[in-house]
C-alpha atoms as a PDB file:
ATOM      1  CA  MET A   1      38.855 -64.209 -13.577  1.00  0.00           C
ATOM      2  CA  LYS A   2      36.422 -61.861 -15.595  1.00  0.00           C
ATOM      3  CA  THR A   3      32.944 -63.143 -15.170  1.00  0.00           C
ATOM      4  CA  LEU A   4      29.726 -62.035 -17.155  1.00  0.00           C
ATOM      5  CA  TYR A   5      26.543 -62.372 -15.060  1.00  0.00           C
ATOM      6  CA  VAL A   6      23.513 -62.673 -17.342  1.00  0.00           C
ATOM      7  CA  THR A   7      19.789 -62.883 -15.957  1.00  0.00           C
ATOM      8  CA  ASP A   8      16.529 -63.362 -17.708  1.00  0.00           C
ATOM      9  CA  LEU A   9      14.172 -60.868 -16.598  1.00  0.00           C
ATOM     10  CA  ASP A  10      10.205 -61.983 -16.002  1.00  0.00           C
ATOM     11  CA  GLY A  11      10.071 -64.302 -13.237  1.00  0.00           C
ATOM     12  CA  THR A  12      13.888 -64.216 -12.557  1.00  0.00           C
ATOM     13  CA  LEU A  13      14.929 -60.469 -12.226  1.00  0.00           C
ATOM     14  CA  LEU A  14      11.662 -58.844 -12.142  1.00  0.00           C
ATOM     15  CA  ASP A  15       9.428 -58.877  -8.959  1.00  0.00           C
ATOM     16  CA  ALA A  16       5.964 -60.136  -8.521  1.00  0.00           C
ATOM     17  CA  GLU A  17       4.652 -56.606 -10.197  1.00  0.00           C
ATOM     18  CA  GLY A  18       6.648 -57.457 -13.148  1.00  0.00           C
ATOM     19  CA  ARG A  19       9.565 -54.462 -12.047  1.00  0.00           C
ATOM     20  CA  VAL A  20      13.067 -54.189 -11.332  1.00  0.00           C
ATOM     21  CA  SER A  21      12.730 -53.375  -7.524  1.00  0.00           C
ATOM     22  CA  ALA A  22      14.530 -49.977  -6.193  1.00  0.00           C
ATOM     23  CA  ARG A  23      16.637 -52.370  -4.009  1.00  0.00           C
ATOM     24  CA  SER A  24      17.780 -54.449  -6.654  1.00  0.00           C
ATOM     25  CA  ALA A  25      18.624 -51.842  -9.050  1.00  0.00           C
ATOM     26  CA  ALA A  26      20.641 -50.387  -6.326  1.00  0.00           C
ATOM     27  CA  LEU A  27      22.454 -53.717  -5.776  1.00  0.00           C
ATOM     28  CA  LEU A  28      23.379 -54.068  -9.525  1.00  0.00           C
ATOM     29  CA  ASN A  29      24.584 -50.784  -9.988  1.00  0.00           C
ATOM     30  CA  GLU A  30      26.961 -51.339  -6.683  1.00  0.00           C
ATOM     31  CA  ALA A  31      28.243 -54.302  -8.535  1.00  0.00           C
ATOM     32  CA  ILE A  32      28.521 -52.876 -11.873  1.00  0.00           C
ATOM     33  CA  ALA A  33      30.218 -49.682 -10.279  1.00  0.00           C
ATOM     34  CA  GLY A  34      32.658 -52.352  -8.638  1.00  0.00           C
ATOM     35  CA  GLY A  35      33.694 -53.801 -12.391  1.00  0.00           C
ATOM     36  CA  ALA A  36      31.200 -56.450 -12.667  1.00  0.00           C
ATOM     37  CA  ALA A  37      30.000 -57.448 -16.239  1.00  0.00           C
ATOM     38  CA  PHE A  38      26.075 -57.072 -16.115  1.00  0.00           C
ATOM     39  CA  THR A  39      23.563 -57.872 -18.969  1.00  0.00           C
ATOM     40  CA  VAL A  40      20.110 -59.514 -19.624  1.00  0.00           C
ATOM     41  CA  ALA A  41      18.793 -62.115 -21.819  1.00  0.00           C
ATOM     42  CA  THR A  42      15.034 -61.861 -22.345  1.00  0.00           C
ATOM     43  CA  ALA A  43      12.163 -62.615 -24.724  1.00  0.00           C
ATOM     44  CA  ARG A  44      11.183 -59.266 -24.654  1.00  0.00           C
ATOM     45  CA  THR A  45      12.066 -56.409 -27.158  1.00  0.00           C
ATOM     46  CA  PRO A  46      13.758 -53.013 -26.053  1.00  0.00           C
ATOM     47  CA  ALA A  47      10.189 -51.036 -25.850  1.00  0.00           C
ATOM     48  CA  THR A  48       9.552 -52.923 -22.365  1.00  0.00           C
ATOM     49  CA  VAL A  49      13.488 -53.574 -21.748  1.00  0.00           C
ATOM     50  CA  ALA A  50      14.455 -49.788 -21.747  1.00  0.00           C
ATOM     51  CA  PRO A  51      11.615 -48.695 -19.132  1.00  0.00           C
ATOM     52  CA  LEU A  52      12.344 -51.848 -17.003  1.00  0.00           C
ATOM     53  CA  LEU A  53      16.212 -51.130 -16.640  1.00  0.00           C
ATOM     54  CA  ALA A  54      16.143 -47.373 -16.708  1.00  0.00           C
ATOM     55  CA  ASP A  55      17.533 -47.315 -13.120  1.00  0.00           C
ATOM     56  CA  VAL A  56      20.078 -49.730 -13.629  1.00  0.00           C
ATOM     57  CA  ASP A  57      23.613 -48.582 -15.233  1.00  0.00           C
ATOM     58  CA  MET A  58      23.418 -50.817 -18.262  1.00  0.00           C
ATOM     59  CA  ARG A  59      26.982 -50.734 -19.721  1.00  0.00           C
ATOM     60  CA  LEU A  60      26.626 -54.316 -22.133  1.00  0.00           C
ATOM     61  CA  PRO A  61      24.328 -55.032 -24.841  1.00  0.00           C
ATOM     62  CA  ALA A  62      21.298 -56.876 -24.120  1.00  0.00           C
ATOM     63  CA  VAL A  63      20.350 -60.024 -25.420  1.00  0.00           C
ATOM     64  CA  VAL A  64      16.731 -59.320 -26.530  1.00  0.00           C
ATOM     65  CA  MET A  65      13.630 -61.425 -28.465  1.00  0.00           C
ATOM     66  CA  THR A  66      15.449 -64.498 -26.945  1.00  0.00           C
ATOM     67  CA  GLY A  67      18.510 -64.087 -28.849  1.00  0.00           C
ATOM     68  CA  ALA A  68      17.117 -62.887 -32.568  1.00  0.00           C
ATOM     69  CA  ALA A  69      19.518 -59.816 -31.644  1.00  0.00           C
ATOM     70  CA  LEU A  70      21.472 -57.766 -29.437  1.00  0.00           C
ATOM     71  CA  TRP A  71      20.409 -54.585 -28.399  1.00  0.00           C
ATOM     72  CA  ASN A  72      22.550 -51.586 -26.963  1.00  0.00           C
ATOM     73  CA  PRO A  73      20.639 -49.724 -24.106  1.00  0.00           C
ATOM     74  CA  LYS A  74      23.327 -46.723 -24.189  1.00  0.00           C
ATOM     75  CA  THR A  75      23.184 -46.481 -28.147  1.00  0.00           C
ATOM     76  CA  GLY A  76      19.707 -48.031 -29.045  1.00  0.00           C
ATOM     77  CA  ILE A  77      21.555 -49.729 -31.816  1.00  0.00           C
ATOM     78  CA  TYR A  78      20.846 -53.298 -32.769  1.00  0.00           C
ATOM     79  CA  SER A  79      23.442 -55.811 -33.982  1.00  0.00           C
ATOM     80  CA  ASP A  80      23.745 -59.267 -34.532  1.00  0.00           C
ATOM     81  CA  PRO A  81      20.074 -59.930 -35.882  1.00  0.00           C
ATOM     82  CA  ARG A  82      19.193 -63.615 -36.974  1.00  0.00           C
ATOM     83  CA  TYR A  83      16.662 -63.718 -39.635  1.00  0.00           C
ATOM     84  CA  ILE A  84      14.265 -66.479 -40.321  1.00  0.00           C
ATOM     85  CA  SER A  85      14.471 -67.559 -44.010  1.00  0.00           C
ATOM     86  CA  ARG A  86      11.926 -66.579 -46.695  1.00  0.00           C
ATOM     87  CA  GLU A  87      11.181 -70.260 -47.369  1.00  0.00           C
ATOM     88  CA  ALA A  88      10.651 -70.962 -43.646  1.00  0.00           C
ATOM     89  CA  VAL A  89       8.422 -68.140 -43.334  1.00  0.00           C
ATOM     90  CA  ASP A  90       6.346 -69.327 -45.960  1.00  0.00           C
ATOM     91  CA  ASP A  91       6.012 -72.677 -44.686  1.00  0.00           C
ATOM     92  CA  LEU A  92       5.098 -71.318 -41.095  1.00  0.00           C
ATOM     93  CA  ILE A  93       2.504 -69.016 -42.685  1.00  0.00           C
ATOM     94  CA  GLU A  94       0.999 -72.083 -44.290  1.00  0.00           C
ATOM     95  CA  ILE A  95       0.918 -73.926 -41.027  1.00  0.00           C
ATOM     96  CA  TYR A  96      -0.734 -71.123 -38.870  1.00  0.00           C
ATOM     97  CA  THR A  97      -3.179 -70.526 -41.454  1.00  0.00           C
ATOM     98  CA  ARG A  98      -4.430 -74.075 -42.004  1.00  0.00           C
ATOM     99  CA  GLU A  99      -4.567 -74.770 -38.362  1.00  0.00           C
ATOM    100  CA  GLY A 100      -6.475 -71.414 -37.779  1.00  0.00           C
ATOM    101  CA  VAL A 101      -4.017 -69.964 -35.144  1.00  0.00           C
ATOM    102  CA  GLY A 102      -2.920 -66.240 -35.157  1.00  0.00           C
ATOM    103  CA  SER A 103       0.320 -64.924 -34.474  1.00  0.00           C
ATOM    104  CA  PHE A 104       2.464 -61.612 -34.572  1.00  0.00           C
ATOM    105  CA  LEU A 105       5.018 -61.474 -37.043  1.00  0.00           C
ATOM    106  CA  TYR A 106       8.183 -59.165 -36.058  1.00  0.00           C
ATOM    107  CA  THR A 107      10.802 -57.639 -38.665  1.00  0.00           C
ATOM    108  CA  LEU A 108      13.848 -55.857 -37.895  1.00  0.00           C
ATOM    109  CA  ARG A 109      15.136 -53.525 -40.478  1.00  0.00           C
ATOM    110  CA  ASP A 110      16.769 -50.156 -40.415  1.00  0.00           C
ATOM    111  CA  ASN A 111      16.980 -50.677 -36.692  1.00  0.00           C
ATOM    112  CA  HIS A 112      13.409 -50.617 -36.212  1.00  0.00           C
ATOM    113  CA  ILE A 113      11.112 -53.111 -35.143  1.00  0.00           C
ATOM    114  CA  ASP A 114       7.860 -53.405 -37.039  1.00  0.00           C
ATOM    115  CA  ILE A 115       5.254 -55.999 -36.234  1.00  0.00           C
ATOM    116  CA  TYR A 116       2.316 -57.267 -38.110  1.00  0.00           C
ATOM    117  CA  HIS A 117      -0.389 -60.166 -37.334  1.00  0.00           C
ATOM    118  CA  LEU A 118      -1.230 -63.075 -39.182  1.00  0.00           C
ATOM    119  CA  GLY A 119      -4.935 -64.416 -38.607  1.00  0.00           C
ATOM    120  CA  SER A 120      -7.609 -63.026 -36.047  1.00  0.00           C
ATOM    121  CA  LEU A 121      -6.122 -61.595 -32.644  1.00  0.00           C
ATOM    122  CA  SER A 122      -6.772 -63.281 -29.348  1.00  0.00           C
ATOM    123  CA  PRO A 123      -8.145 -61.411 -26.593  1.00  0.00           C
ATOM    124  CA  GLN A 124      -4.793 -61.801 -25.044  1.00  0.00           C
ATOM    125  CA  GLU A 125      -2.939 -60.398 -28.046  1.00  0.00           C
ATOM    126  CA  LYS A 126      -5.102 -57.389 -28.033  1.00  0.00           C
ATOM    127  CA  GLU A 127      -4.017 -56.551 -24.706  1.00  0.00           C
ATOM    128  CA  PHE A 128      -0.443 -57.345 -25.384  1.00  0.00           C
ATOM    129  CA  MET A 129      -0.633 -55.093 -28.281  1.00  0.00           C
ATOM    130  CA  ARG A 130      -2.626 -52.092 -26.355  1.00  0.00           C
ATOM    131  CA  LEU A 131       0.175 -51.921 -23.453  1.00  0.00           C
ATOM    132  CA  ARG A 132       2.748 -51.672 -26.047  1.00  0.00           C
ATOM    133  CA  GLU A 133       1.683 -49.339 -29.091  1.00  0.00           C
ATOM    134  CA  GLY A 134       2.934 -45.736 -29.102  1.00  0.00           C
ATOM    135  CA  THR A 135       6.365 -46.532 -28.231  1.00  0.00           C
ATOM    136  CA  PRO A 136       9.405 -45.110 -30.081  1.00  0.00           C
ATOM    137  CA  PHE A 137      10.937 -48.777 -30.361  1.00  0.00           C
ATOM    138  CA  LYS A 138       8.371 -50.596 -32.430  1.00  0.00           C
ATOM    139  CA  ASP A 139       5.445 -50.076 -34.777  1.00  0.00           C
ATOM    140  CA  PHE A 140       2.128 -52.191 -34.979  1.00  0.00           C
ATOM    141  CA  HIS A 141       0.641 -52.660 -38.573  1.00  0.00           C
ATOM    142  CA  ILE A 142      -2.552 -54.265 -38.118  1.00  0.00           C
ATOM    143  CA  PRO A 143      -5.433 -53.896 -40.371  1.00  0.00           C
ATOM    144  CA  PRO A 144      -9.023 -54.515 -39.753  1.00  0.00           C
ATOM    145  CA  GLU A 145      -8.510 -57.737 -41.377  1.00  0.00           C
ATOM    146  CA  ASP A 146      -5.133 -59.758 -40.740  1.00  0.00           C
ATOM    147  CA  ALA A 147      -2.322 -58.532 -42.511  1.00  0.00           C
ATOM    148  CA  LEU A 148      -2.156 -61.645 -44.707  1.00  0.00           C
ATOM    149  CA  LYS A 149      -5.459 -60.913 -46.118  1.00  0.00           C
ATOM    150  CA  ALA A 150      -4.486 -57.518 -46.303  1.00  0.00           C
ATOM    151  CA  GLY A 151      -1.527 -58.439 -48.525  1.00  0.00           C
ATOM    152  CA  ILE A 152       0.851 -56.610 -46.210  1.00  0.00           C
ATOM    153  CA  LEU A 153       2.483 -59.353 -44.502  1.00  0.00           C
ATOM    154  CA  PRO A 154       6.165 -59.461 -44.952  1.00  0.00           C
ATOM    155  CA  ARG A 155       8.434 -62.215 -45.683  1.00  0.00           C
ATOM    156  CA  GLU A 156      11.710 -60.861 -45.345  1.00  0.00           C
ATOM    157  CA  HIS A 157      13.775 -59.243 -42.496  1.00  0.00           C
ATOM    158  CA  VAL A 158      11.470 -61.630 -40.279  1.00  0.00           C
ATOM    159  CA  VAL A 159      12.967 -62.512 -36.651  1.00  0.00           C
ATOM    160  CA  LEU A 160      10.197 -63.730 -34.805  1.00  0.00           C
ATOM    161  CA  LEU A 161       6.446 -65.109 -34.829  1.00  0.00           C
ATOM    162  CA  PHE A 162       5.155 -64.658 -31.306  1.00  0.00           C
ATOM    163  CA  ALA A 163       1.595 -66.227 -30.143  1.00  0.00           C
ATOM    164  CA  MET A 164      -0.625 -65.939 -27.430  1.00  0.00           C
ATOM    165  CA  GLN A 165      -3.292 -67.904 -27.418  1.00  0.00           C
ATOM    166  CA  GLU A 166      -5.018 -71.004 -25.738  1.00  0.00           C
ATOM    167  CA  LYS A 167      -2.888 -74.011 -24.814  1.00  0.00           C
ATOM    168  CA  GLU A 168      -4.484 -76.440 -26.897  1.00  0.00           C
ATOM    169  CA  PRO A 169      -4.169 -74.769 -30.471  1.00  0.00           C
ATOM    170  CA  VAL A 170      -0.658 -73.636 -29.545  1.00  0.00           C
ATOM    171  CA  CYS A 171       0.653 -77.091 -28.831  1.00  0.00           C
ATOM    172  CA  ARG A 172      -1.283 -78.151 -32.182  1.00  0.00           C
ATOM    173  CA  VAL A 173       0.821 -75.712 -34.156  1.00  0.00           C
ATOM    174  CA  TYR A 174       3.876 -76.672 -32.404  1.00  0.00           C
ATOM    175  CA  ASP A 175       3.538 -80.112 -33.253  1.00  0.00           C
ATOM    176  CA  ARG A 176       2.843 -79.320 -36.932  1.00  0.00           C
ATOM    177  CA  VAL A 177       5.895 -77.123 -37.367  1.00  0.00           C
ATOM    178  CA  CYS A 178       8.079 -79.758 -36.071  1.00  0.00           C
ATOM    179  CA  GLU A 179       6.605 -82.550 -37.738  1.00  0.00           C
ATOM    180  CA  ALA A 180       7.074 -80.396 -40.888  1.00  0.00           C
ATOM    181  CA  GLY A 181      10.819 -79.820 -39.998  1.00  0.00           C
ATOM    182  CA  VAL A 182      10.487 -76.294 -40.949  1.00  0.00           C
ATOM    183  CA  ASP A 183      13.930 -74.626 -40.705  1.00  0.00           C
ATOM    184  CA  CYS A 184      13.499 -72.725 -37.438  1.00  0.00           C
ATOM    185  CA  SER A 185      13.736 -72.707 -33.730  1.00  0.00           C
ATOM    186  CA  PRO A 186       9.972 -73.167 -32.234  1.00  0.00           C
ATOM    187  CA  LEU A 187       9.318 -72.777 -28.655  1.00  0.00           C
ATOM    188  CA  HIS A 188       6.085 -72.936 -26.574  1.00  0.00           C
ATOM    189  CA  TYR A 189       5.741 -72.415 -22.854  1.00  0.00           C
ATOM    190  CA  HIS A 190       3.190 -71.078 -20.136  1.00  0.00           C
ATOM    191  CA  ASP A 191       2.718 -67.320 -19.672  1.00  0.00           C
ATOM    192  CA  THR A 192       4.408 -66.193 -16.295  1.00  0.00           C
ATOM    193  CA  TYR A 193       2.009 -63.540 -15.902  1.00  0.00           C
ATOM    194  CA  GLY A 194      -1.111 -64.707 -17.764  1.00  0.00           C
ATOM    195  CA  PRO A 195      -2.526 -67.996 -16.378  1.00  0.00           C
ATOM    196  CA  GLU A 196      -4.748 -68.324 -19.309  1.00  0.00           C
ATOM    197  CA  SER A 197      -2.122 -67.822 -21.905  1.00  0.00           C
ATOM    198  CA  GLU A 198       0.357 -70.241 -24.005  1.00  0.00           C
ATOM    199  CA  LEU A 199       3.291 -68.536 -25.844  1.00  0.00           C
ATOM    200  CA  MET A 200       4.723 -69.535 -28.675  1.00  0.00           C
ATOM    201  CA  GLU A 201       7.991 -68.347 -30.169  1.00  0.00           C
ATOM    202  CA  VAL A 202       9.648 -69.268 -33.308  1.00  0.00           C
ATOM    203  CA  PHE A 203      12.961 -68.036 -34.128  1.00  0.00           C
ATOM    204  CA  SER A 204      15.758 -68.671 -36.659  1.00  0.00           C
ATOM    205  CA  PRO A 205      17.768 -71.961 -35.738  1.00  0.00           C
ATOM    206  CA  SER A 206      20.765 -69.549 -34.527  1.00  0.00           C
ATOM    207  CA  ALA A 207      18.447 -67.278 -32.486  1.00  0.00           C
ATOM    208  CA  THR A 208      18.646 -68.924 -28.964  1.00  0.00           C
ATOM    209  CA  LYS A 209      19.699 -67.073 -25.684  1.00  0.00           C
ATOM    210  CA  GLY A 210      22.424 -69.663 -25.348  1.00  0.00           C
ATOM    211  CA  LYS A 211      23.946 -69.075 -28.933  1.00  0.00           C
ATOM    212  CA  ALA A 212      23.497 -65.280 -28.676  1.00  0.00           C
ATOM    213  CA  LEU A 213      25.337 -65.350 -25.232  1.00  0.00           C
ATOM    214  CA  ARG A 214      28.108 -67.496 -26.643  1.00  0.00           C
ATOM    215  CA  ARG A 215      28.671 -64.721 -29.396  1.00  0.00           C
ATOM    216  CA  LEU A 216      28.489 -62.062 -26.969  1.00  0.00           C
ATOM    217  CA  ARG A 217      31.029 -63.753 -24.722  1.00  0.00           C
ATOM    218  CA  GLU A 218      33.500 -64.407 -27.374  1.00  0.00           C
ATOM    219  CA  ARG A 219      33.296 -60.550 -28.296  1.00  0.00           C
ATOM    220  CA  LEU A 220      33.527 -59.452 -24.664  1.00  0.00           C
ATOM    221  CA  GLY A 221      36.608 -61.916 -23.925  1.00  0.00           C
ATOM    222  CA  VAL A 222      35.100 -62.917 -20.666  1.00  0.00           C
ATOM    223  CA  GLU A 223      36.434 -65.851 -18.941  1.00  0.00           C
ATOM    224  CA  ARG A 224      33.370 -67.244 -17.274  1.00  0.00           C
ATOM    225  CA  MET A 225      29.641 -66.824 -17.483  1.00  0.00           C
ATOM    226  CA  VAL A 226      27.178 -67.124 -14.746  1.00  0.00           C
ATOM    227  CA  VAL A 227      23.239 -67.293 -15.889  1.00  0.00           C
ATOM    228  CA  PHE A 228      20.063 -66.854 -13.947  1.00  0.00           C
ATOM    229  CA  GLY A 229      16.836 -68.223 -15.246  1.00  0.00           C
ATOM    230  CA  ASP A 230      13.234 -69.456 -14.498  1.00  0.00           C
ATOM    231  CA  GLN A 231      11.385 -70.702 -17.713  1.00  0.00           C
ATOM    232  CA  VAL A 232      12.157 -73.419 -20.109  1.00  0.00           C
ATOM    233  CA  ASN A 233      13.517 -70.644 -22.947  1.00  0.00           C
ATOM    234  CA  ASP A 234      16.245 -69.923 -20.410  1.00  0.00           C
ATOM    235  CA  ILE A 235      17.976 -73.799 -20.496  1.00  0.00           C
ATOM    236  CA  PRO A 236      19.818 -72.911 -23.996  1.00  0.00           C
ATOM    237  CA  MET A 237      21.679 -70.340 -21.893  1.00  0.00           C
ATOM    238  CA  MET A 238      22.015 -72.212 -18.756  1.00  0.00           C
ATOM    239  CA  LYS A 239      23.852 -75.007 -20.768  1.00  0.00           C
ATOM    240  CA  GLU A 240      26.051 -72.365 -22.194  1.00  0.00           C
ATOM    241  CA  ALA A 241      27.138 -71.076 -18.519  1.00  0.00           C
ATOM    242  CA  ASP A 242      29.950 -72.152 -16.442  1.00  0.00           C
ATOM    243  CA  TRP A 243      27.830 -71.787 -13.601  1.00  0.00           C
ATOM    244  CA  ALA A 244      23.769 -72.037 -13.957  1.00  0.00           C
ATOM    245  CA  VAL A 245      21.503 -70.549 -11.184  1.00  0.00           C
ATOM    246  CA  ALA A 246      17.675 -71.080 -11.009  1.00  0.00           C
ATOM    247  CA  VAL A 247      15.351 -68.994  -8.719  1.00  0.00           C
ATOM    248  CA  GLU A 248      13.209 -70.813  -6.333  1.00  0.00           C
ATOM    249  CA  ASN A 249       9.956 -70.138  -8.521  1.00  0.00           C
ATOM    250  CA  ALA A 250      11.621 -71.679 -11.548  1.00  0.00           C
ATOM    251  CA  VAL A 251       9.593 -74.423 -13.309  1.00  0.00           C
ATOM    252  CA  PRO A 252      10.948 -77.960 -12.615  1.00  0.00           C
ATOM    253  CA  GLU A 253      13.056 -78.248 -16.036  1.00  0.00           C
ATOM    254  CA  VAL A 254      15.082 -75.336 -15.146  1.00  0.00           C
ATOM    255  CA  LYS A 255      15.808 -76.356 -11.515  1.00  0.00           C
ATOM    256  CA  ALA A 256      16.914 -79.720 -12.785  1.00  0.00           C
ATOM    257  CA  ALA A 257      19.326 -77.761 -15.217  1.00  0.00           C
ATOM    258  CA  ALA A 258      20.777 -75.552 -12.827  1.00  0.00           C
ATOM    259  CA  ASN A 259      24.000 -75.961 -10.652  1.00  0.00           C
ATOM    260  CA  GLU A 260      22.300 -73.813  -7.848  1.00  0.00           C
ATOM    261  CA  ILE A 261      18.760 -72.849  -6.543  1.00  0.00           C
ATOM    262  CA  ILE A 262      18.694 -69.324  -5.049  1.00  0.00           C
ATOM    263  CA  GLY A 263      15.674 -67.494  -3.514  1.00  0.00           C
ATOM    264  CA  ALA A 264      12.696 -66.516  -5.146  1.00  0.00           C
ATOM    265  CA  ASN A 265      12.314 -63.617  -7.812  1.00  0.00           C
ATOM    266  CA  THR A 266      10.246 -61.455  -5.367  1.00  0.00           C
ATOM    267  CA  GLU A 267      13.056 -61.317  -2.802  1.00  0.00           C
ATOM    268  CA  ASP A 268      15.793 -59.392  -4.944  1.00  0.00           C
ATOM    269  CA  SER A 269      17.682 -62.617  -5.104  1.00  0.00           C
ATOM    270  CA  VAL A 270      19.267 -62.443  -8.402  1.00  0.00           C
ATOM    271  CA  SER A 271      20.830 -58.762  -7.519  1.00  0.00           C
ATOM    272  CA  ARG A 272      21.645 -59.916  -3.896  1.00  0.00           C
ATOM    273  CA  TYR A 273      23.662 -62.946  -5.474  1.00  0.00           C
ATOM    274  CA  ILE A 274      25.532 -60.975  -8.080  1.00  0.00           C
ATOM    275  CA  ARG A 275      26.479 -58.183  -5.348  1.00  0.00           C
ATOM    276  CA  ALA A 276      27.711 -60.895  -3.083  1.00  0.00           C
ATOM    277  CA  HIS A 277      29.645 -62.694  -5.545  1.00  0.00           C
ATOM    278  CA  ALA A 278      31.058 -59.950  -7.984  1.00  0.00           C
ATOM    279  CA  GLY A 279      34.669 -59.378  -7.729  1.00  0.00           C
ATOM    280  CA  SER A 280      34.971 -62.648  -5.599  1.00  0.00           C
END
């Protein structure tokens, strides 16, 4: 029975320094060389996925931006993009602006990500942008004033709104988006690496890790899927899996949704599990 192994990155496969350890990379490569089908499903874009997985022999498309697209590490090609409708983007811009909350706005067009910003950048967002500027995978278009005031904020080909703000305004905007019934899939959760930040992601209703993996599974024709996660945005893919595995450091909601709990992300637990079970 062919099994597809899928893992989240942050807090799951990545260690305490936010890296794939040399031991994890070696174990995964052994499993892949033995015929294991392996990929990742992450909120990240290829700009950070590519260097993180540089030592892993990735042969399958990765689910990136929480299911807003697939990305092939071998070819650099995106596929299966899931766009937020123009009407929903207009509604979201109106709510964020009214509530005074900023957000990055990602577009995917011509196999490239361009990023704009609505409202003022938070200190966390400034640092986020600083660490990701200058990569070949995406470009930031942040004028001195926000993109909305500058008249350059796009409404087409939008795959993601992403905010890093204090918890109270994020929760407030999330509630307003849900109350308004905007045609989108919103999610907010605590930042794994920044205790001062609450993250909010907004996607097309068809863009979740679970739905993306369902489509990838059908495309690959695998009979069984095992997934690994630690955060609430991993729950949709855990529900799609035949076997869901939580790492020990996972949040309570993820542990409750799992069939099995293994060691922490700091112990190479995911790669050890895959190496031990692949082919069995």
